Amino acid sequence: RGGWQFWIDRGGTFTDIVAVTPEGRLSALKLLSAAPHLYADAAT
């Protein structure tokens, strides 16, 4: 516990983000690595 932790795999097509909340819960998210019409960088 004590703060958000992020493990990120930034691929050429998809970016996968695994997060651990400050309470220790595990969650995940998949985004397109390049989607300039939506965001500048998938990881952030």
Full PDB file with SEQRES, HELIX, SHEET, SSBOND, CRYST1, ORIGX, SCALE, CONECT and MASTER records, all heavy atoms in Angstrom:
SEQRES   1 A   44  ARG GLY GLY TRP GLN PHE TRP ILE ASP ARG GLY GLY THR          
SEQRES   2 A   44  PHE THR ASP ILE VAL ALA VAL THR PRO GLU GLY ARG LEU          
SEQRES   3 A   44  SER ALA LEU LYS LEU LEU SER ALA ALA PRO HIS LEU TYR          
SEQRES   4 A   44  ALA ASP ALA ALA THR                                          
SHEET    1 AA1 3 GLN A   5  ARG A  10  0                                        
SHEET    2 AA1 3 PHE A  14  VAL A  20 -1                                        
SHEET    3 AA1 3 LEU A  26  LEU A  32 -1                                        
CRYST1    1.000    1.000    1.000  90.00  90.00  90.00 P 1           1          
ORIGX1      1.000000  0.000000  0.000000        0.00000                         
ORIGX2      0.000000  1.000000  0.000000        0.00000                         
ORIGX3      0.000000  0.000000  1.000000        0.00000                         
SCALE1      1.000000  0.000000  0.000000        0.00000                         
SCALE2      0.000000  1.000000  0.000000        0.00000                         
SCALE3      0.000000  0.000000  1.000000        0.00000                         
ATOM      1  N   ARG A   1       0.831  -1.194   0.000  1.00  0.00           N  
ATOM      2  CA  ARG A   1       0.000   0.000   0.000  1.00  0.00           C  
ATOM      3  C   ARG A   1       0.872   1.252   0.000  1.00  0.00           C  
ATOM      4  O   ARG A   1       2.030   1.222   0.370  1.00  0.00           O  
ATOM      5  CB  ARG A   1      -0.920  -0.002   1.232  1.00  0.00           C  
ATOM      6  CG  ARG A   1      -1.851  -1.210   1.286  1.00  0.00           C  
ATOM      7  CD  ARG A   1      -2.561  -1.291   2.624  1.00  0.00           C  
ATOM      8  NE  ARG A   1      -3.370  -2.503   2.710  1.00  0.00           N  
ATOM      9  CZ  ARG A   1      -4.644  -2.571   2.378  1.00  0.00           C  
ATOM     10  NH1 ARG A   1      -5.260  -1.491   1.939  1.00  0.00           N  
ATOM     11  NH2 ARG A   1      -5.309  -3.709   2.476  1.00  0.00           N  
ATOM     12  N   GLY A   2       0.291   2.382  -0.412  1.00  0.00           N  
ATOM     13  CA  GLY A   2       1.009   3.630  -0.272  1.00  0.00           C  
ATOM     14  C   GLY A   2       1.079   4.478  -1.517  1.00  0.00           C  
ATOM     15  O   GLY A   2       1.751   5.494  -1.526  1.00  0.00           O  
ATOM     16  N   GLY A   3       0.412   4.169  -2.604  1.00  0.00           N  
ATOM     17  CA  GLY A   3       0.472   4.968  -3.820  1.00  0.00           C  
ATOM     18  C   GLY A   3       0.229   4.087  -5.035  1.00  0.00           C  
ATOM     19  O   GLY A   3       0.406   2.869  -4.984  1.00  0.00           O  
ATOM     20  N   TRP A   4      -0.178   4.702  -6.125  1.00  0.00           N  
ATOM     21  CA  TRP A   4      -0.449   3.951  -7.351  1.00  0.00           C  
ATOM     22  C   TRP A   4       0.864   3.402  -7.931  1.00  0.00           C  
ATOM     23  O   TRP A   4       1.884   4.073  -7.938  1.00  0.00           O  
ATOM     24  CB  TRP A   4      -1.108   4.855  -8.369  1.00  0.00           C  
ATOM     25  CG  TRP A   4      -2.551   5.131  -8.102  1.00  0.00           C  
ATOM     26  CD1 TRP A   4      -3.065   6.095  -7.284  1.00  0.00           C  
ATOM     27  CD2 TRP A   4      -3.671   4.432  -8.655  1.00  0.00           C  
ATOM     28  NE1 TRP A   4      -4.438   6.050  -7.285  1.00  0.00           N  
ATOM     29  CE2 TRP A   4      -4.844   5.032  -8.128  1.00  0.00           C  
ATOM     30  CE3 TRP A   4      -3.806   3.363  -9.533  1.00  0.00           C  
ATOM     31  CZ2 TRP A   4      -6.120   4.604  -8.454  1.00  0.00           C  
ATOM     32  CZ3 TRP A   4      -5.073   2.932  -9.872  1.00  0.00           C  
ATOM     33  CH2 TRP A   4      -6.221   3.534  -9.343  1.00  0.00           C  
ATOM     34  N   GLN A   5       0.792   2.182  -8.452  1.00  0.00           N  
ATOM     35  CA  GLN A   5       1.915   1.575  -9.161  1.00  0.00           C  
ATOM     36  C   GLN A   5       1.421   1.146 -10.541  1.00  0.00           C  
ATOM     37  O   GLN A   5       0.324   0.615 -10.677  1.00  0.00           O  
ATOM     38  CB  GLN A   5       2.460   0.370  -8.410  1.00  0.00           C  
ATOM     39  CG  GLN A   5       2.978   0.693  -7.012  1.00  0.00           C  
ATOM     40  CD  GLN A   5       3.463  -0.554  -6.312  1.00  0.00           C  
ATOM     41  OE1 GLN A   5       4.451  -1.154  -6.701  1.00  0.00           O  
ATOM     42  NE2 GLN A   5       2.752  -0.961  -5.270  1.00  0.00           N  
ATOM     43  N   PHE A   6       2.255   1.389 -11.545  1.00  0.00           N  
ATOM     44  CA  PHE A   6       1.864   1.080 -12.915  1.00  0.00           C  
ATOM     45  C   PHE A   6       2.966   0.280 -13.612  1.00  0.00           C  
ATOM     46  O   PHE A   6       4.145   0.638 -13.549  1.00  0.00           O  
ATOM     47  CB  PHE A   6       1.602   2.369 -13.705  1.00  0.00           C  
ATOM     48  CG  PHE A   6       0.476   3.198 -13.155  1.00  0.00           C  
ATOM     49  CD1 PHE A   6       0.749   4.277 -12.319  1.00  0.00           C  
ATOM     50  CD2 PHE A   6      -0.843   2.902 -13.455  1.00  0.00           C  
ATOM     51  CE1 PHE A   6      -0.279   5.049 -11.805  1.00  0.00           C  
ATOM     52  CE2 PHE A   6      -1.875   3.663 -12.939  1.00  0.00           C  
ATOM     53  CZ  PHE A   6      -1.598   4.741 -12.119  1.00  0.00           C  
ATOM     54  N   TRP A   7       2.540  -0.787 -14.252  1.00  0.00           N  
ATOM     55  CA  TRP A   7       3.419  -1.566 -15.134  1.00  0.00           C  
ATOM     56  C   TRP A   7       2.863  -1.430 -16.534  1.00  0.00           C  
ATOM     57  O   TRP A   7       1.690  -1.746 -16.776  1.00  0.00           O  
ATOM     58  CB  TRP A   7       3.446  -3.036 -14.718  1.00  0.00           C  
ATOM     59  CG  TRP A   7       4.237  -3.306 -13.487  1.00  0.00           C  
ATOM     60  CD1 TRP A   7       5.532  -3.740 -13.418  1.00  0.00           C  
ATOM     61  CD2 TRP A   7       3.787  -3.200 -12.134  1.00  0.00           C  
ATOM     62  NE1 TRP A   7       5.913  -3.893 -12.101  1.00  0.00           N  
ATOM     63  CE2 TRP A   7       4.860  -3.570 -11.295  1.00  0.00           C  
ATOM     64  CE3 TRP A   7       2.579  -2.822 -11.537  1.00  0.00           C  
ATOM     65  CZ2 TRP A   7       4.763  -3.576  -9.912  1.00  0.00           C  
ATOM     66  CZ3 TRP A   7       2.482  -2.823 -10.165  1.00  0.00           C  
ATOM     67  CH2 TRP A   7       3.560  -3.194  -9.358  1.00  0.00           C  
ATOM     68  N   ILE A   8       3.691  -0.965 -17.466  1.00  0.00           N  
ATOM     69  CA  ILE A   8       3.192  -0.614 -18.798  1.00  0.00           C  
ATOM     70  C   ILE A   8       4.024  -1.300 -19.880  1.00  0.00           C  
ATOM     71  O   ILE A   8       5.252  -1.256 -19.855  1.00  0.00           O  
ATOM     72  CB  ILE A   8       3.232   0.914 -19.000  1.00  0.00           C  
ATOM     73  CG1 ILE A   8       2.392   1.605 -17.917  1.00  0.00           C  
ATOM     74  CG2 ILE A   8       2.745   1.290 -20.392  1.00  0.00           C  
ATOM     75  CD1 ILE A   8       2.516   3.115 -17.904  1.00  0.00           C  
ATOM     76  N   ASP A   9       3.313  -1.916 -20.832  1.00  0.00           N  
ATOM     77  CA  ASP A   9       3.952  -2.500 -22.015  1.00  0.00           C  
ATOM     78  C   ASP A   9       3.517  -1.660 -23.200  1.00  0.00           C  
ATOM     79  O   ASP A   9       2.393  -1.776 -23.680  1.00  0.00           O  
ATOM     80  CB  ASP A   9       3.533  -3.964 -22.181  1.00  0.00           C  
ATOM     81  CG  ASP A   9       4.127  -4.588 -23.437  1.00  0.00           C  
ATOM     82  OD1 ASP A   9       5.056  -3.988 -24.006  1.00  0.00           O  
ATOM     83  OD2 ASP A   9       3.655  -5.668 -23.842  1.00  0.00           O  
ATOM     84  N   ARG A  10       4.427  -0.817 -23.657  1.00  0.00           N  
ATOM     85  CA  ARG A  10       4.111   0.092 -24.753  1.00  0.00           C  
ATOM     86  C   ARG A  10       4.567  -0.552 -26.056  1.00  0.00           C  
ATOM     87  O   ARG A  10       5.740  -0.509 -26.414  1.00  0.00           O  
ATOM     88  CB  ARG A  10       4.807   1.438 -24.517  1.00  0.00           C  
ATOM     89  CG  ARG A  10       4.224   2.620 -25.283  1.00  0.00           C  
ATOM     90  CD  ARG A  10       4.652   2.649 -26.716  1.00  0.00           C  
ATOM     91  NE  ARG A  10       4.286   3.894 -27.386  1.00  0.00           N  
ATOM     92  CZ  ARG A  10       4.431   4.105 -28.687  1.00  0.00           C  
ATOM     93  NH1 ARG A  10       4.915   3.157 -29.469  1.00  0.00           N  
ATOM     94  NH2 ARG A  10       4.068   5.260 -29.215  1.00  0.00           N  
ATOM     95  N   GLY A  11       3.635  -1.188 -26.774  1.00  0.00           N  
ATOM     96  CA  GLY A  11       3.953  -1.844 -28.029  1.00  0.00           C  
ATOM     97  C   GLY A  11       3.782  -0.918 -29.214  1.00  0.00           C  
ATOM     98  O   GLY A  11       3.409   0.253 -29.079  1.00  0.00           O  
ATOM     99  N   GLY A  12       4.044  -1.442 -30.404  1.00  0.00           N  
ATOM    100  CA  GLY A  12       3.901  -0.634 -31.605  1.00  0.00           C  
ATOM    101  C   GLY A  12       2.452  -0.386 -31.968  1.00  0.00           C  
ATOM    102  O   GLY A  12       2.126   0.619 -32.601  1.00  0.00           O  
ATOM    103  N   THR A  13       1.555  -1.293 -31.572  1.00  0.00           N  
ATOM    104  CA  THR A  13       0.143  -1.164 -31.918  1.00  0.00           C  
ATOM    105  C   THR A  13      -0.718  -0.938 -30.687  1.00  0.00           C  
ATOM    106  O   THR A  13      -1.541  -0.033 -30.645  1.00  0.00           O  
ATOM    107  CB  THR A  13      -0.336  -2.422 -32.666  1.00  0.00           C  
ATOM    108  OG1 THR A  13       0.501  -2.639 -33.801  1.00  0.00           O  
ATOM    109  CG2 THR A  13      -1.772  -2.255 -33.117  1.00  0.00           C  
ATOM    110  N   PHE A  14      -0.539  -1.760 -29.652  1.00  0.00           N  
ATOM    111  CA  PHE A  14      -1.315  -1.636 -28.428  1.00  0.00           C  
ATOM    112  C   PHE A  14      -0.405  -1.337 -27.243  1.00  0.00           C  
ATOM    113  O   PHE A  14       0.764  -1.730 -27.226  1.00  0.00           O  
ATOM    114  CB  PHE A  14      -2.103  -2.917 -28.133  1.00  0.00           C  
ATOM    115  CG  PHE A  14      -3.302  -3.113 -29.017  1.00  0.00           C  
ATOM    116  CD1 PHE A  14      -3.303  -4.075 -30.009  1.00  0.00           C  
ATOM    117  CD2 PHE A  14      -4.440  -2.336 -28.849  1.00  0.00           C  
ATOM    118  CE1 PHE A  14      -4.403  -4.261 -30.833  1.00  0.00           C  
ATOM    119  CE2 PHE A  14      -5.547  -2.513 -29.661  1.00  0.00           C  
ATOM    120  CZ  PHE A  14      -5.533  -3.477 -30.658  1.00  0.00           C  
ATOM    121  N   THR A  15      -0.972  -0.658 -26.266  1.00  0.00           N  
ATOM    122  CA  THR A  15      -0.294  -0.422 -24.991  1.00  0.00           C  
ATOM    123  C   THR A  15      -1.137  -1.027 -23.883  1.00  0.00           C  
ATOM    124  O   THR A  15      -2.344  -0.772 -23.806  1.00  0.00           O  
ATOM    125  CB  THR A  15      -0.099   1.080 -24.737  1.00  0.00           C  
ATOM    126  OG1 THR A  15       0.851   1.594 -25.679  1.00  0.00           O  
ATOM    127  CG2 THR A  15       0.411   1.342 -23.325  1.00  0.00           C  
ATOM    128  N   ASP A  16      -0.517  -1.852 -23.052  1.00  0.00           N  
ATOM    129  CA  ASP A  16      -1.201  -2.486 -21.923  1.00  0.00           C  
ATOM    130  C   ASP A  16      -0.711  -1.866 -20.626  1.00  0.00           C  
ATOM    131  O   ASP A  16       0.501  -1.737 -20.407  1.00  0.00           O  
ATOM    132  CB  ASP A  16      -0.926  -3.989 -21.915  1.00  0.00           C  
ATOM    133  CG  ASP A  16      -1.504  -4.679 -23.141  1.00  0.00           C  
ATOM    134  OD1 ASP A  16      -2.733  -4.846 -23.179  1.00  0.00           O  
ATOM    135  OD2 ASP A  16      -0.737  -5.022 -24.057  1.00  0.00           O  
ATOM    136  N   ILE A  17      -1.650  -1.493 -19.767  1.00  0.00           N  
ATOM    137  CA  ILE A  17      -1.320  -0.894 -18.473  1.00  0.00           C  
ATOM    138  C   ILE A  17      -1.903  -1.762 -17.366  1.00  0.00           C  
ATOM    139  O   ILE A  17      -3.111  -2.020 -17.351  1.00  0.00           O  
ATOM    140  CB  ILE A  17      -1.869   0.542 -18.341  1.00  0.00           C  
ATOM    141  CG1 ILE A  17      -1.356   1.425 -19.487  1.00  0.00           C  
ATOM    142  CG2 ILE A  17      -1.469   1.152 -17.003  1.00  0.00           C  
ATOM    143  CD1 ILE A  17      -2.377   1.721 -20.534  1.00  0.00           C  
ATOM    144  N   VAL A  18      -1.044  -2.224 -16.475  1.00  0.00           N  
ATOM    145  CA  VAL A  18      -1.489  -2.942 -15.280  1.00  0.00           C  
ATOM    146  C   VAL A  18      -1.267  -2.007 -14.095  1.00  0.00           C  
ATOM    147  O   VAL A  18      -0.170  -1.474 -13.924  1.00  0.00           O  
ATOM    148  CB  VAL A  18      -0.701  -4.249 -15.081  1.00  0.00           C  
ATOM    149  CG1 VAL A  18      -1.111  -4.922 -13.775  1.00  0.00           C  
ATOM    150  CG2 VAL A  18      -0.941  -5.188 -16.257  1.00  0.00           C  
ATOM    151  N   ALA A  19      -2.315  -1.805 -13.302  1.00  0.00           N  
ATOM    152  CA  ALA A  19      -2.240  -0.862 -12.188  1.00  0.00           C  
ATOM    153  C   ALA A  19      -2.541  -1.562 -10.873  1.00  0.00           C  
ATOM    154  O   ALA A  19      -3.364  -2.481 -10.820  1.00  0.00           O  
ATOM    155  CB  ALA A  19      -3.230   0.289 -12.396  1.00  0.00           C  
ATOM    156  N   VAL A  20      -1.846  -1.112  -9.835  1.00  0.00           N  
ATOM    157  CA  VAL A  20      -2.162  -1.531  -8.474  1.00  0.00           C  
ATOM    158  C   VAL A  20      -2.547  -0.271  -7.707  1.00  0.00           C  
ATOM    159  O   VAL A  20      -1.774   0.687  -7.633  1.00  0.00           O  
ATOM    160  CB  VAL A  20      -0.970  -2.234  -7.795  1.00  0.00           C  
ATOM    161  CG1 VAL A  20      -1.307  -2.552  -6.343  1.00  0.00           C  
ATOM    162  CG2 VAL A  20      -0.608  -3.507  -8.535  1.00  0.00           C  
ATOM    163  N   THR A  21      -3.757  -0.258  -7.167  1.00  0.00           N  
ATOM    164  CA  THR A  21      -4.251   0.907  -6.439  1.00  0.00           C  
ATOM    165  C   THR A  21      -3.525   1.042  -5.110  1.00  0.00           C  
ATOM    166  O   THR A  21      -2.870   0.106  -4.644  1.00  0.00           O  
ATOM    167  CB  THR A  21      -5.758   0.771  -6.178  1.00  0.00           C  
ATOM    168  OG1 THR A  21      -5.964  -0.272  -5.215  1.00  0.00           O  
ATOM    169  CG2 THR A  21      -6.517   0.437  -7.459  1.00  0.00           C  
ATOM    170  N   PRO A  22      -3.644   2.204  -4.442  1.00  0.00           N  
ATOM    171  CA  PRO A  22      -3.030   2.354  -3.115  1.00  0.00           C  
ATOM    172  C   PRO A  22      -3.532   1.325  -2.109  1.00  0.00           C  
ATOM    173  O   PRO A  22      -2.836   1.011  -1.140  1.00  0.00           O  
ATOM    174  CB  PRO A  22      -3.440   3.776  -2.706  1.00  0.00           C  
ATOM    175  CG  PRO A  22      -3.613   4.505  -3.995  1.00  0.00           C  
ATOM    176  CD  PRO A  22      -4.182   3.483  -4.944  1.00  0.00           C  
ATOM    177  N   GLU A  23      -4.733   0.767  -2.346  1.00  0.00           N  
ATOM    178  CA  GLU A  23      -5.283  -0.257  -1.446  1.00  0.00           C  
ATOM    179  C   GLU A  23      -4.849  -1.667  -1.820  1.00  0.00           C  
ATOM    180  O   GLU A  23      -5.186  -2.620  -1.136  1.00  0.00           O  
ATOM    181  CB  GLU A  23      -6.817  -0.184  -1.464  1.00  0.00           C  
ATOM    182  CG  GLU A  23      -7.401   1.128  -0.943  1.00  0.00           C  
ATOM    183  CD  GLU A  23      -7.269   2.257  -1.950  1.00  0.00           C  
ATOM    184  OE1 GLU A  23      -7.304   1.968  -3.171  1.00  0.00           O  
ATOM    185  OE2 GLU A  23      -7.112   3.416  -1.506  1.00  0.00           O  
ATOM    186  N   GLY A  24      -4.108  -1.784  -2.938  1.00  0.00           N  
ATOM    187  CA  GLY A  24      -3.601  -3.087  -3.326  1.00  0.00           C  
ATOM    188  C   GLY A  24      -4.447  -3.838  -4.338  1.00  0.00           C  
ATOM    189  O   GLY A  24      -4.182  -5.004  -4.617  1.00  0.00           O  
ATOM    190  N   ARG A  25      -5.467  -3.196  -4.909  1.00  0.00           N  
ATOM    191  CA  ARG A  25      -6.294  -3.867  -5.908  1.00  0.00           C  
ATOM    192  C   ARG A  25      -5.607  -3.835  -7.273  1.00  0.00           C  
ATOM    193  O   ARG A  25      -4.977  -2.839  -7.645  1.00  0.00           O  
ATOM    194  CB  ARG A  25      -7.672  -3.212  -6.006  1.00  0.00           C  
ATOM    195  CG  ARG A  25      -8.533  -3.396  -4.766  1.00  0.00           C  
ATOM    196  CD  ARG A  25      -9.977  -2.975  -5.037  1.00  0.00           C  
ATOM    197  NE  ARG A  25     -10.058  -1.602  -5.517  1.00  0.00           N  
ATOM    198  CZ  ARG A  25     -10.149  -0.542  -4.731  1.00  0.00           C  
ATOM    199  NH1 ARG A  25     -10.156  -0.703  -3.400  1.00  0.00           N  
ATOM    200  NH2 ARG A  25     -10.229   0.672  -5.236  1.00  0.00           N  
ATOM    201  N   LEU A  26      -5.799  -4.917  -8.039  1.00  0.00           N  
ATOM    202  CA  LEU A  26      -5.163  -5.068  -9.347  1.00  0.00           C  
ATOM    203  C   LEU A  26      -6.169  -4.780 -10.449  1.00  0.00           C  
ATOM    204  O   LEU A  26      -7.308  -5.237 -10.400  1.00  0.00           O  
ATOM    205  CB  LEU A  26      -4.625  -6.494  -9.496  1.00  0.00           C  
ATOM    206  CG  LEU A  26      -3.757  -6.808 -10.708  1.00  0.00           C  
ATOM    207  CD1 LEU A  26      -2.433  -6.069 -10.599  1.00  0.00           C  
ATOM    208  CD2 LEU A  26      -3.514  -8.314 -10.792  1.00  0.00           C  
ATOM    209  N   SER A  27      -5.748  -3.991 -11.457  1.00  0.00           N  
ATOM    210  CA  SER A  27      -6.624  -3.680 -12.581  1.00  0.00           C  
ATOM    211  C   SER A  27      -5.778  -3.546 -13.840  1.00  0.00           C  
ATOM    212  O   SER A  27      -4.557  -3.397 -13.761  1.00  0.00           O  
ATOM    213  CB  SER A  27      -7.398  -2.380 -12.320  1.00  0.00           C  
ATOM    214  OG  SER A  27      -8.355  -2.159 -13.325  1.00  0.00           O  
ATOM    215  N   ALA A  28      -6.436  -3.601 -15.010  1.00  0.00           N  
ATOM    216  CA  ALA A  28      -5.691  -3.538 -16.269  1.00  0.00           C  
ATOM    217  C   ALA A  28      -6.495  -2.789 -17.323  1.00  0.00           C  
ATOM    218  O   ALA A  28      -7.721  -2.676 -17.250  1.00  0.00           O  
ATOM    219  CB  ALA A  28      -5.372  -4.941 -16.769  1.00  0.00           C  
ATOM    220  N   LEU A  29      -5.783  -2.258 -18.326  1.00  0.00           N  
ATOM    221  CA  LEU A  29      -6.397  -1.475 -19.392  1.00  0.00           C  
ATOM    222  C   LEU A  29      -5.568  -1.635 -20.651  1.00  0.00           C  
ATOM    223  O   LEU A  29      -4.339  -1.696 -20.602  1.00  0.00           O  
ATOM    224  CB  LEU A  29      -6.448   0.007 -18.979  1.00  0.00           C  
ATOM    225  CG  LEU A  29      -6.960   1.020 -20.005  1.00  0.00           C  
ATOM    226  CD1 LEU A  29      -8.440   0.793 -20.281  1.00  0.00           C  
ATOM    227  CD2 LEU A  29      -6.736   2.442 -19.499  1.00  0.00           C  
ATOM    228  N   LYS A  30      -6.250  -1.720 -21.806  1.00  0.00           N  
ATOM    229  CA  LYS A  30      -5.573  -1.807 -23.104  1.00  0.00           C  
ATOM    230  C   LYS A  30      -5.998  -0.624 -23.954  1.00  0.00           C  
ATOM    231  O   LYS A  30      -7.187  -0.321 -24.076  1.00  0.00           O  
ATOM    232  CB  LYS A  30      -5.931  -3.112 -23.811  1.00  0.00           C  
ATOM    233  CG  LYS A  30      -5.257  -3.272 -25.174  1.00  0.00           C  
ATOM    234  CD  LYS A  30      -5.731  -4.525 -25.883  1.00  0.00           C  
ATOM    235  CE  LYS A  30      -5.145  -5.776 -25.279  1.00  0.00           C  
ATOM    236  NZ  LYS A  30      -3.700  -5.942 -25.587  1.00  0.00           N  
ATOM    237  N   LEU A  31      -5.005   0.066 -24.549  1.00  0.00           N  
ATOM    238  CA  LEU A  31      -5.266   1.211 -25.414  1.00  0.00           C  
ATOM    239  C   LEU A  31      -4.464   1.084 -26.707  1.00  0.00           C  
ATOM    240  O   LEU A  31      -3.430   0.399 -26.744  1.00  0.00           O  
ATOM    241  CB  LEU A  31      -4.868   2.522 -24.720  1.00  0.00           C  
ATOM    242  CG  LEU A  31      -5.625   2.927 -23.465  1.00  0.00           C  
ATOM    243  CD1 LEU A  31      -4.963   4.149 -22.832  1.00  0.00           C  
ATOM    244  CD2 LEU A  31      -7.080   3.227 -23.793  1.00  0.00           C  
ATOM    245  N   LEU A  32      -4.919   1.757 -27.750  1.00  0.00           N  
ATOM    246  CA  LEU A  32      -4.117   1.879 -28.954  1.00  0.00           C  
ATOM    247  C   LEU A  32      -2.880   2.718 -28.645  1.00  0.00           C  
ATOM    248  O   LEU A  32      -2.980   3.750 -27.990  1.00  0.00           O  
ATOM    249  CB  LEU A  32      -4.921   2.548 -30.064  1.00  0.00           C  
ATOM    250  CG  LEU A  32      -6.033   1.708 -30.711  1.00  0.00           C  
ATOM    251  CD1 LEU A  32      -6.915   2.608 -31.572  1.00  0.00           C  
ATOM    252  CD2 LEU A  32      -5.448   0.598 -31.548  1.00  0.00           C  
ATOM    253  N   SER A  33      -1.717   2.271 -29.124  1.00  0.00           N  
ATOM    254  CA  SER A  33      -0.492   3.021 -28.827  1.00  0.00           C  
ATOM    255  C   SER A  33      -0.491   4.393 -29.475  1.00  0.00           C  
ATOM    256  O   SER A  33       0.031   5.356 -28.911  1.00  0.00           O  
ATOM    257  CB  SER A  33       0.734   2.219 -29.290  1.00  0.00           C  
ATOM    258  OG  SER A  33       0.913   1.078 -28.480  1.00  0.00           O  
ATOM    259  N   ALA A  34      -1.047   4.489 -30.665  1.00  0.00           N  
ATOM    260  CA  ALA A  34      -1.105   5.783 -31.352  1.00  0.00           C  
ATOM    261  C   ALA A  34      -2.546   6.075 -31.729  1.00  0.00           C  
ATOM    262  O   ALA A  34      -3.130   5.373 -32.548  1.00  0.00           O  
ATOM    263  CB  ALA A  34      -0.217   5.769 -32.599  1.00  0.00           C  
ATOM    264  N   ALA A  35      -3.104   7.085 -31.118  1.00  0.00           N  
ATOM    265  CA  ALA A  35      -4.457   7.547 -31.440  1.00  0.00           C  
ATOM    266  C   ALA A  35      -4.471   9.062 -31.295  1.00  0.00           C  
ATOM    267  O   ALA A  35      -5.035   9.606 -30.343  1.00  0.00           O  
ATOM    268  CB  ALA A  35      -5.485   6.886 -30.527  1.00  0.00           C  
ATOM    269  N   PRO A  36      -3.817   9.778 -32.211  1.00  0.00           N  
ATOM    270  CA  PRO A  36      -3.657  11.225 -32.060  1.00  0.00           C  
ATOM    271  C   PRO A  36      -4.972  11.984 -31.991  1.00  0.00           C  
ATOM    272  O   PRO A  36      -5.013  13.098 -31.472  1.00  0.00           O  
ATOM    273  CB  PRO A  36      -2.839  11.621 -33.304  1.00  0.00           C  
ATOM    274  CG  PRO A  36      -3.005  10.483 -34.259  1.00  0.00           C  
ATOM    275  CD  PRO A  36      -3.171   9.268 -33.425  1.00  0.00           C  
ATOM    276  N   HIS A  37      -6.046  11.390 -32.503  1.00  0.00           N  
ATOM    277  CA  HIS A  37      -7.341  12.056 -32.428  1.00  0.00           C  
ATOM    278  C   HIS A  37      -7.945  11.956 -31.035  1.00  0.00           C  
ATOM    279  O   HIS A  37      -8.936  12.623 -30.727  1.00  0.00           O  
ATOM    280  CB  HIS A  37      -8.302  11.445 -33.450  1.00  0.00           C  
ATOM    281  CG  HIS A  37      -8.520   9.970 -33.280  1.00  0.00           C  
ATOM    282  ND1 HIS A  37      -7.490   9.050 -33.422  1.00  0.00           N  
ATOM    283  CD2 HIS A  37      -9.636   9.261 -32.970  1.00  0.00           C  
ATOM    284  CE1 HIS A  37      -7.973   7.835 -33.218  1.00  0.00           C  
ATOM    285  NE2 HIS A  37      -9.262   7.931 -32.936  1.00  0.00           N  
ATOM    286  N   LEU A  38      -7.324  11.106 -30.174  1.00  0.00           N  
ATOM    287  CA  LEU A  38      -7.844  10.917 -28.817  1.00  0.00           C  
ATOM    288  C   LEU A  38      -6.860  11.351 -27.736  1.00  0.00           C  
ATOM    289  O   LEU A  38      -7.251  11.964 -26.743  1.00  0.00           O  
ATOM    290  CB  LEU A  38      -8.217   9.448 -28.594  1.00  0.00           C  
ATOM    291  CG  LEU A  38      -9.358   8.888 -29.442  1.00  0.00           C  
ATOM    292  CD1 LEU A  38      -9.482   7.398 -29.235  1.00  0.00           C  
ATOM    293  CD2 LEU A  38     -10.664   9.596 -29.110  1.00  0.00           C  
ATOM    294  N   TYR A  39      -5.570  11.038 -27.909  1.00  0.00           N  
ATOM    295  CA  TYR A  39      -4.568  11.358 -26.892  1.00  0.00           C  
ATOM    296  C   TYR A  39      -3.179  11.344 -27.519  1.00  0.00           C  
ATOM    297  O   TYR A  39      -2.963  10.768 -28.590  1.00  0.00           O  
ATOM    298  CB  TYR A  39      -4.632  10.368 -25.722  1.00  0.00           C  
ATOM    299  CG  TYR A  39      -4.781   8.919 -26.135  1.00  0.00           C  
ATOM    300  CD1 TYR A  39      -3.691   8.177 -26.589  1.00  0.00           C  
ATOM    301  CD2 TYR A  39      -6.019   8.288 -26.060  1.00  0.00           C  
ATOM    302  CE1 TYR A  39      -3.829   6.849 -26.973  1.00  0.00           C  
ATOM    303  CE2 TYR A  39      -6.169   6.960 -26.437  1.00  0.00           C  
ATOM    304  CZ  TYR A  39      -5.067   6.244 -26.886  1.00  0.00           C  
ATOM    305  OH  TYR A  39      -5.210   4.930 -27.277  1.00  0.00           O  
ATOM    306  N   ALA A  40      -2.224  11.979 -26.832  1.00  0.00           N  
ATOM    307  CA  ALA A  40      -0.860  12.093 -27.354  1.00  0.00           C  
ATOM    308  C   ALA A  40      -0.039  10.846 -27.075  1.00  0.00           C  
ATOM    309  O   ALA A  40       0.791  10.437 -27.901  1.00  0.00           O  
ATOM    310  CB  ALA A  40      -0.172  13.318 -26.766  1.00  0.00           C  
ATOM    311  N   ASP A  41      -0.239  10.226 -25.915  1.00  0.00           N  
ATOM    312  CA  ASP A  41       0.556   9.053 -25.538  1.00  0.00           C  
ATOM    313  C   ASP A  41      -0.323   8.085 -24.764  1.00  0.00           C  
ATOM    314  O   ASP A  41      -1.016   8.478 -23.811  1.00  0.00           O  
ATOM    315  CB  ASP A  41       1.759   9.472 -24.688  1.00  0.00           C  
ATOM    316  CG  ASP A  41       2.515   8.275 -24.145  1.00  0.00           C  
ATOM    317  OD1 ASP A  41       3.068   7.505 -24.960  1.00  0.00           O  
ATOM    318  OD2 ASP A  41       2.538   8.100 -22.917  1.00  0.00           O  
ATOM    319  N   ALA A  42      -0.285   6.804 -25.158  1.00  0.00           N  
ATOM    320  CA  ALA A  42      -1.173   5.818 -24.544  1.00  0.00           C  
ATOM    321  C   ALA A  42      -0.795   5.525 -23.097  1.00  0.00           C  
ATOM    322  O   ALA A  42      -1.678   5.320 -22.249  1.00  0.00           O  
ATOM    323  CB  ALA A  42      -1.149   4.529 -25.364  1.00  0.00           C  
ATOM    324  N   ALA A  43       0.496   5.478 -22.793  1.00  0.00           N  
ATOM    325  CA  ALA A  43       0.931   5.131 -21.437  1.00  0.00           C  
ATOM    326  C   ALA A  43       0.433   6.153 -20.417  1.00  0.00           C  
ATOM    327  O   ALA A  43      -0.180   5.803 -19.401  1.00  0.00           O  
ATOM    328  CB  ALA A  43       2.453   5.021 -21.378  1.00  0.00           C  
ATOM    329  N   THR A  44       0.677   7.421 -20.700  1.00  0.00           N  
ATOM    330  CA  THR A  44       0.249   8.454 -19.756  1.00  0.00           C  
ATOM    331  C   THR A  44      -1.267   8.625 -19.771  1.00  0.00           C  
ATOM    332  O   THR A  44      -1.871   8.960 -18.743  1.00  0.00           O  
ATOM    333  CB  THR A  44       0.941   9.784 -20.064  1.00  0.00           C  
ATOM    334  OG1 THR A  44       0.772  10.097 -21.465  1.00  0.00           O  
ATOM    335  CG2 THR A  44       2.429   9.703 -19.764  1.00  0.00           C  
TER     336      THR A  44                                                      
MASTER        0    0    0    0    3    0    0    6  335    1    0    4          
END                                                                             
